[in-house]
Amino acid sequence: MNYEKLENLYDSFLAHEKFSDIEKNAEQVLQNLELDDENRKAGNWEYNRYFWGNYLPRPISGILHTHKRYSIEMFGKRVDLDSCDAPNFRDKENYLKWLENKIKENSL
């Protein structure tokens, strides 16, 4: 999956009618000053789990999906994504480059 395809999926996700609810929940966590950086990443997970679960190929069933591992199948191979390694979801260019590279390196 190339950058252009990911960008189209990303833009569709942002345009979805329920995105404002997802963003509200994510931003509450990301902006919580009482949380340390590691726990604040849970806000990014909110974006990731909806985007990965609804816009990328279907997750592999039978695998427990957490913020540390979300598994999809691409090109007949398992691709594991770790939300803790992901850049801020709202930093579109960096996020999509990261995601494209993860997909490429895991599906070779």
N, C-alpha and C. Protein backbone atom coordinates (compact mmCIF):
# COMPACT_ATOMS: atom_id res chain seq x y z
N MET A 1 0.85 -1.16 0.00
CA MET A 1 0.00 0.00 0.00
C MET A 1 0.91 1.23 0.00
N ASN A 2 0.72 2.08 -0.98
CA ASN A 2 1.60 3.23 -1.11
C ASN A 2 1.05 4.46 -0.37
N TYR A 3 1.86 5.49 -0.34
CA TYR A 3 1.53 6.71 0.40
C TYR A 3 0.23 7.32 -0.11
N GLU A 4 0.06 7.37 -1.42
CA GLU A 4 -1.14 7.98 -2.00
C GLU A 4 -2.42 7.26 -1.56
N LYS A 5 -2.39 5.94 -1.56
CA LYS A 5 -3.53 5.15 -1.11
C LYS A 5 -3.80 5.39 0.37
N LEU A 6 -2.74 5.39 1.19
CA LEU A 6 -2.89 5.67 2.62
C LEU A 6 -3.45 7.07 2.85
N GLU A 7 -2.99 8.03 2.06
CA GLU A 7 -3.47 9.40 2.20
C GLU A 7 -4.96 9.50 1.90
N ASN A 8 -5.41 8.79 0.88
CA ASN A 8 -6.84 8.78 0.55
C ASN A 8 -7.66 8.17 1.69
N LEU A 9 -7.15 7.08 2.27
CA LEU A 9 -7.84 6.44 3.39
C LEU A 9 -7.87 7.37 4.61
N TYR A 10 -6.75 8.02 4.87
CA TYR A 10 -6.63 8.96 5.99
C TYR A 10 -7.63 10.10 5.83
N ASP A 11 -7.68 10.68 4.64
CA ASP A 11 -8.60 11.79 4.39
C ASP A 11 -10.06 11.34 4.52
N SER A 12 -10.37 10.14 4.07
CA SER A 12 -11.73 9.61 4.22
C SER A 12 -12.08 9.44 5.69
N PHE A 13 -11.12 8.98 6.47
CA PHE A 13 -11.32 8.80 7.90
C PHE A 13 -11.62 10.14 8.56
N LEU A 14 -10.85 11.17 8.25
CA LEU A 14 -11.07 12.49 8.83
C LEU A 14 -12.42 13.07 8.42
N ALA A 15 -12.91 12.72 7.25
CA ALA A 15 -14.18 13.23 6.75
C ALA A 15 -15.39 12.45 7.28
N HIS A 16 -15.16 11.32 7.93
CA HIS A 16 -16.25 10.49 8.42
C HIS A 16 -17.05 11.25 9.48
N GLU A 17 -18.35 11.05 9.47
CA GLU A 17 -19.24 11.78 10.39
C GLU A 17 -18.95 11.53 11.86
N LYS A 18 -18.37 10.39 12.20
CA LYS A 18 -18.07 10.07 13.61
C LYS A 18 -16.66 10.49 14.02
N PHE A 19 -15.89 11.05 13.10
CA PHE A 19 -14.51 11.41 13.43
C PHE A 19 -14.43 12.42 14.57
N SER A 20 -15.35 13.37 14.62
CA SER A 20 -15.28 14.38 15.69
C SER A 20 -15.39 13.74 17.08
N ASP A 21 -16.17 12.66 17.21
CA ASP A 21 -16.26 11.96 18.50
C ASP A 21 -14.94 11.27 18.84
N ILE A 22 -14.34 10.64 17.84
CA ILE A 22 -13.05 9.97 18.04
C ILE A 22 -11.99 10.99 18.45
N GLU A 23 -11.97 12.12 17.73
CA GLU A 23 -10.99 13.16 18.01
C GLU A 23 -11.18 13.73 19.42
N LYS A 24 -12.40 13.93 19.81
CA LYS A 24 -12.67 14.46 21.16
C LYS A 24 -12.11 13.52 22.22
N ASN A 25 -12.36 12.24 22.10
CA ASN A 25 -11.85 11.26 23.07
C ASN A 25 -10.32 11.21 23.06
N ALA A 26 -9.74 11.21 21.88
CA ALA A 26 -8.28 11.14 21.77
C ALA A 26 -7.62 12.38 22.35
N GLU A 27 -8.15 13.54 22.03
CA GLU A 27 -7.54 14.79 22.49
C GLU A 27 -7.65 14.97 24.00
N GLN A 28 -8.70 14.44 24.61
CA GLN A 28 -8.82 14.51 26.07
C GLN A 28 -7.64 13.80 26.73
N VAL A 29 -7.24 12.68 26.16
CA VAL A 29 -6.10 11.94 26.70
C VAL A 29 -4.79 12.63 26.35
N LEU A 30 -4.64 13.01 25.09
CA LEU A 30 -3.39 13.63 24.64
C LEU A 30 -3.08 14.93 25.39
N GLN A 31 -4.11 15.64 25.80
CA GLN A 31 -3.90 16.93 26.46
C GLN A 31 -3.95 16.85 27.98
N ASN A 32 -4.08 15.66 28.53
CA ASN A 32 -4.15 15.50 29.97
C ASN A 32 -2.76 15.69 30.58
N LEU A 33 -2.56 16.80 31.24
CA LEU A 33 -1.24 17.13 31.81
C LEU A 33 -0.86 16.25 32.99
N GLU A 34 -1.83 15.55 33.56
CA GLU A 34 -1.53 14.68 34.70
C GLU A 34 -0.91 13.35 34.26
N LEU A 35 -0.97 13.06 32.97
CA LEU A 35 -0.41 11.81 32.46
C LEU A 35 1.02 12.02 31.98
N ASP A 36 1.85 11.00 32.13
CA ASP A 36 3.20 11.09 31.57
C ASP A 36 3.13 10.80 30.06
N ASP A 37 4.24 10.99 29.38
CA ASP A 37 4.27 10.83 27.92
C ASP A 37 3.83 9.44 27.48
N GLU A 38 4.24 8.43 28.21
CA GLU A 38 3.89 7.05 27.84
C GLU A 38 2.38 6.83 27.90
N ASN A 39 1.76 7.31 28.97
CA ASN A 39 0.31 7.14 29.11
C ASN A 39 -0.48 8.04 28.16
N ARG A 40 0.09 9.17 27.79
CA ARG A 40 -0.57 10.06 26.84
C ARG A 40 -0.69 9.41 25.46
N LYS A 41 0.19 8.46 25.18
CA LYS A 41 0.14 7.78 23.89
C LYS A 41 -1.17 7.03 23.69
N ALA A 42 -1.88 6.79 24.76
CA ALA A 42 -3.19 6.15 24.64
C ALA A 42 -4.14 6.98 23.80
N GLY A 43 -3.94 8.28 23.76
CA GLY A 43 -4.75 9.14 22.90
C GLY A 43 -4.50 8.85 21.43
N ASN A 44 -3.25 8.62 21.10
CA ASN A 44 -2.91 8.26 19.72
C ASN A 44 -3.51 6.89 19.39
N TRP A 45 -3.55 5.99 20.36
CA TRP A 45 -4.14 4.67 20.15
C TRP A 45 -5.62 4.80 19.75
N GLU A 46 -6.31 5.77 20.33
CA GLU A 46 -7.71 5.98 19.99
C GLU A 46 -7.87 6.24 18.48
N TYR A 47 -7.03 7.11 17.94
CA TYR A 47 -7.05 7.35 16.50
C TYR A 47 -6.68 6.07 15.74
N ASN A 48 -5.57 5.46 16.17
CA ASN A 48 -5.06 4.30 15.45
C ASN A 48 -6.05 3.15 15.39
N ARG A 49 -6.65 2.81 16.50
CA ARG A 49 -7.52 1.63 16.49
C ARG A 49 -8.72 1.82 15.58
N TYR A 50 -9.26 3.02 15.49
CA TYR A 50 -10.38 3.24 14.57
C TYR A 50 -9.90 3.29 13.13
N PHE A 51 -8.79 3.94 12.90
CA PHE A 51 -8.27 4.02 11.53
C PHE A 51 -7.81 2.66 11.03
N TRP A 52 -6.98 1.98 11.82
CA TRP A 52 -6.49 0.67 11.41
C TRP A 52 -7.62 -0.34 11.28
N GLY A 53 -8.57 -0.30 12.22
CA GLY A 53 -9.65 -1.28 12.23
C GLY A 53 -10.70 -1.09 11.15
N ASN A 54 -10.81 0.12 10.63
CA ASN A 54 -11.86 0.40 9.66
C ASN A 54 -11.37 0.78 8.28
N TYR A 55 -10.10 1.15 8.15
CA TYR A 55 -9.61 1.63 6.86
C TYR A 55 -8.47 0.80 6.28
N LEU A 56 -7.78 0.03 7.10
CA LEU A 56 -6.75 -0.87 6.60
C LEU A 56 -7.38 -2.23 6.39
N PRO A 57 -6.66 -3.17 5.76
CA PRO A 57 -7.24 -4.52 5.62
C PRO A 57 -7.68 -5.05 6.98
N ARG A 58 -8.66 -5.88 6.97
CA ARG A 58 -9.22 -6.42 8.21
C ARG A 58 -8.14 -6.98 9.12
N PRO A 59 -8.29 -6.72 10.43
CA PRO A 59 -7.32 -7.28 11.38
C PRO A 59 -7.37 -8.80 11.36
N ILE A 60 -6.27 -9.40 11.69
CA ILE A 60 -6.22 -10.86 11.77
C ILE A 60 -7.00 -11.31 13.00
N SER A 61 -7.99 -12.15 12.77
CA SER A 61 -8.82 -12.59 13.89
C SER A 61 -8.06 -13.62 14.73
N GLY A 62 -8.47 -13.73 15.96
CA GLY A 62 -7.83 -14.68 16.86
C GLY A 62 -6.58 -14.13 17.52
N ILE A 63 -6.21 -12.91 17.20
CA ILE A 63 -5.05 -12.27 17.82
C ILE A 63 -5.57 -11.13 18.69
N LEU A 64 -5.07 -11.06 19.92
CA LEU A 64 -5.44 -9.98 20.80
C LEU A 64 -4.77 -8.70 20.32
N HIS A 65 -5.57 -7.72 20.00
CA HIS A 65 -5.04 -6.44 19.52
C HIS A 65 -4.93 -5.47 20.68
N THR A 66 -3.74 -4.92 20.86
CA THR A 66 -3.48 -3.95 21.92
C THR A 66 -2.76 -2.77 21.30
N HIS A 67 -2.44 -1.77 22.11
CA HIS A 67 -1.68 -0.63 21.60
C HIS A 67 -0.27 -1.04 21.17
N LYS A 68 0.22 -2.17 21.68
CA LYS A 68 1.56 -2.65 21.32
C LYS A 68 1.57 -3.53 20.07
N ARG A 69 0.43 -4.14 19.77
CA ARG A 69 0.39 -4.97 18.56
C ARG A 69 -1.01 -4.98 17.96
N TYR A 70 -1.07 -4.54 16.74
CA TYR A 70 -2.28 -4.61 15.95
C TYR A 70 -1.86 -5.28 14.65
N SER A 71 -2.45 -6.42 14.34
CA SER A 71 -1.99 -7.23 13.21
C SER A 71 -3.01 -7.24 12.07
N ILE A 72 -2.51 -6.96 10.87
CA ILE A 72 -3.31 -7.05 9.66
C ILE A 72 -2.57 -7.96 8.69
N GLU A 73 -3.25 -8.40 7.66
CA GLU A 73 -2.58 -9.21 6.65
C GLU A 73 -2.52 -8.43 5.35
N MET A 74 -1.32 -8.34 4.80
CA MET A 74 -1.12 -7.68 3.51
C MET A 74 -0.19 -8.54 2.68
N PHE A 75 -0.57 -8.76 1.44
CA PHE A 75 0.25 -9.54 0.51
C PHE A 75 0.55 -10.93 1.07
N GLY A 76 -0.42 -11.49 1.82
CA GLY A 76 -0.27 -12.83 2.37
C GLY A 76 0.65 -12.91 3.58
N LYS A 77 1.06 -11.78 4.13
CA LYS A 77 1.94 -11.77 5.29
C LYS A 77 1.34 -10.93 6.41
N ARG A 78 1.66 -11.31 7.64
CA ARG A 78 1.20 -10.56 8.80
C ARG A 78 2.03 -9.29 8.95
N VAL A 79 1.34 -8.19 9.17
CA VAL A 79 1.98 -6.91 9.44
C VAL A 79 1.56 -6.49 10.84
N ASP A 80 2.53 -6.37 11.74
CA ASP A 80 2.27 -5.94 13.11
C ASP A 80 2.58 -4.46 13.23
N LEU A 81 1.62 -3.71 13.77
CA LEU A 81 1.79 -2.28 13.98
C LEU A 81 1.78 -2.01 15.48
N ASP A 82 2.67 -1.14 15.94
CA ASP A 82 2.77 -0.78 17.35
C ASP A 82 2.45 0.70 17.48
N SER A 83 1.33 0.99 18.09
CA SER A 83 0.87 2.36 18.23
C SER A 83 1.83 3.22 19.05
N CYS A 84 2.58 2.60 19.94
CA CYS A 84 3.53 3.36 20.76
C CYS A 84 4.69 3.90 19.93
N ASP A 85 4.96 3.25 18.81
CA ASP A 85 6.02 3.71 17.92
C ASP A 85 5.52 4.74 16.91
N ALA A 86 4.21 4.84 16.77
CA ALA A 86 3.61 5.70 15.75
C ALA A 86 3.77 7.17 16.11
N PRO A 87 4.06 7.99 15.11
CA PRO A 87 4.06 9.44 15.35
C PRO A 87 2.63 9.89 15.66
N ASN A 88 2.48 11.11 16.08
CA ASN A 88 1.16 11.66 16.34
C ASN A 88 0.29 11.50 15.10
N PHE A 89 -0.88 10.92 15.27
CA PHE A 89 -1.78 10.67 14.16
C PHE A 89 -2.11 11.94 13.39
N ARG A 90 -2.22 13.06 14.08
CA ARG A 90 -2.60 14.31 13.43
C ARG A 90 -1.44 14.96 12.67
N ASP A 91 -0.25 14.43 12.79
CA ASP A 91 0.89 14.88 11.98
C ASP A 91 0.88 14.02 10.70
N LYS A 92 -0.01 14.36 9.81
CA LYS A 92 -0.36 13.53 8.67
C LYS A 92 0.85 13.00 7.88
N GLU A 93 1.73 13.88 7.47
CA GLU A 93 2.85 13.46 6.62
C GLU A 93 3.76 12.46 7.33
N ASN A 94 4.18 12.78 8.54
CA ASN A 94 5.05 11.86 9.28
C ASN A 94 4.34 10.56 9.61
N TYR A 95 3.08 10.66 9.99
CA TYR A 95 2.31 9.46 10.33
C TYR A 95 2.18 8.53 9.13
N LEU A 96 1.81 9.08 7.98
CA LEU A 96 1.60 8.24 6.80
C LEU A 96 2.92 7.67 6.27
N LYS A 97 4.00 8.42 6.37
CA LYS A 97 5.31 7.87 5.98
C LYS A 97 5.69 6.71 6.90
N TRP A 98 5.46 6.88 8.21
CA TRP A 98 5.74 5.82 9.17
C TRP A 98 4.92 4.58 8.84
N LEU A 99 3.62 4.77 8.61
CA LEU A 99 2.73 3.65 8.34
C LEU A 99 3.11 2.95 7.03
N GLU A 100 3.41 3.72 6.02
CA GLU A 100 3.83 3.13 4.73
C GLU A 100 5.09 2.29 4.92
N ASN A 101 6.06 2.82 5.65
CA ASN A 101 7.31 2.08 5.89
C ASN A 101 7.06 0.81 6.69
N LYS A 102 6.21 0.86 7.71
CA LYS A 102 5.89 -0.33 8.50
C LYS A 102 5.25 -1.40 7.63
N ILE A 103 4.35 -1.02 6.78
CA ILE A 103 3.68 -1.97 5.91
C ILE A 103 4.70 -2.58 4.94
N LYS A 104 5.53 -1.73 4.36
CA LYS A 104 6.53 -2.23 3.39
C LYS A 104 7.53 -3.18 4.05
N GLU A 105 8.07 -2.79 5.20
CA GLU A 105 9.11 -3.62 5.82
C GLU A 105 8.56 -4.94 6.35
N ASN A 106 7.29 -4.96 6.74
CA ASN A 106 6.70 -6.19 7.26
C ASN A 106 6.10 -7.09 6.18
N SER A 107 5.92 -6.55 4.99
CA SER A 107 5.28 -7.37 3.95
C SER A 107 6.23 -7.76 2.83
N LEU A 108 7.51 -7.56 3.03
CA LEU A 108 8.49 -7.96 2.01
C LEU A 108 8.77 -9.45 2.09
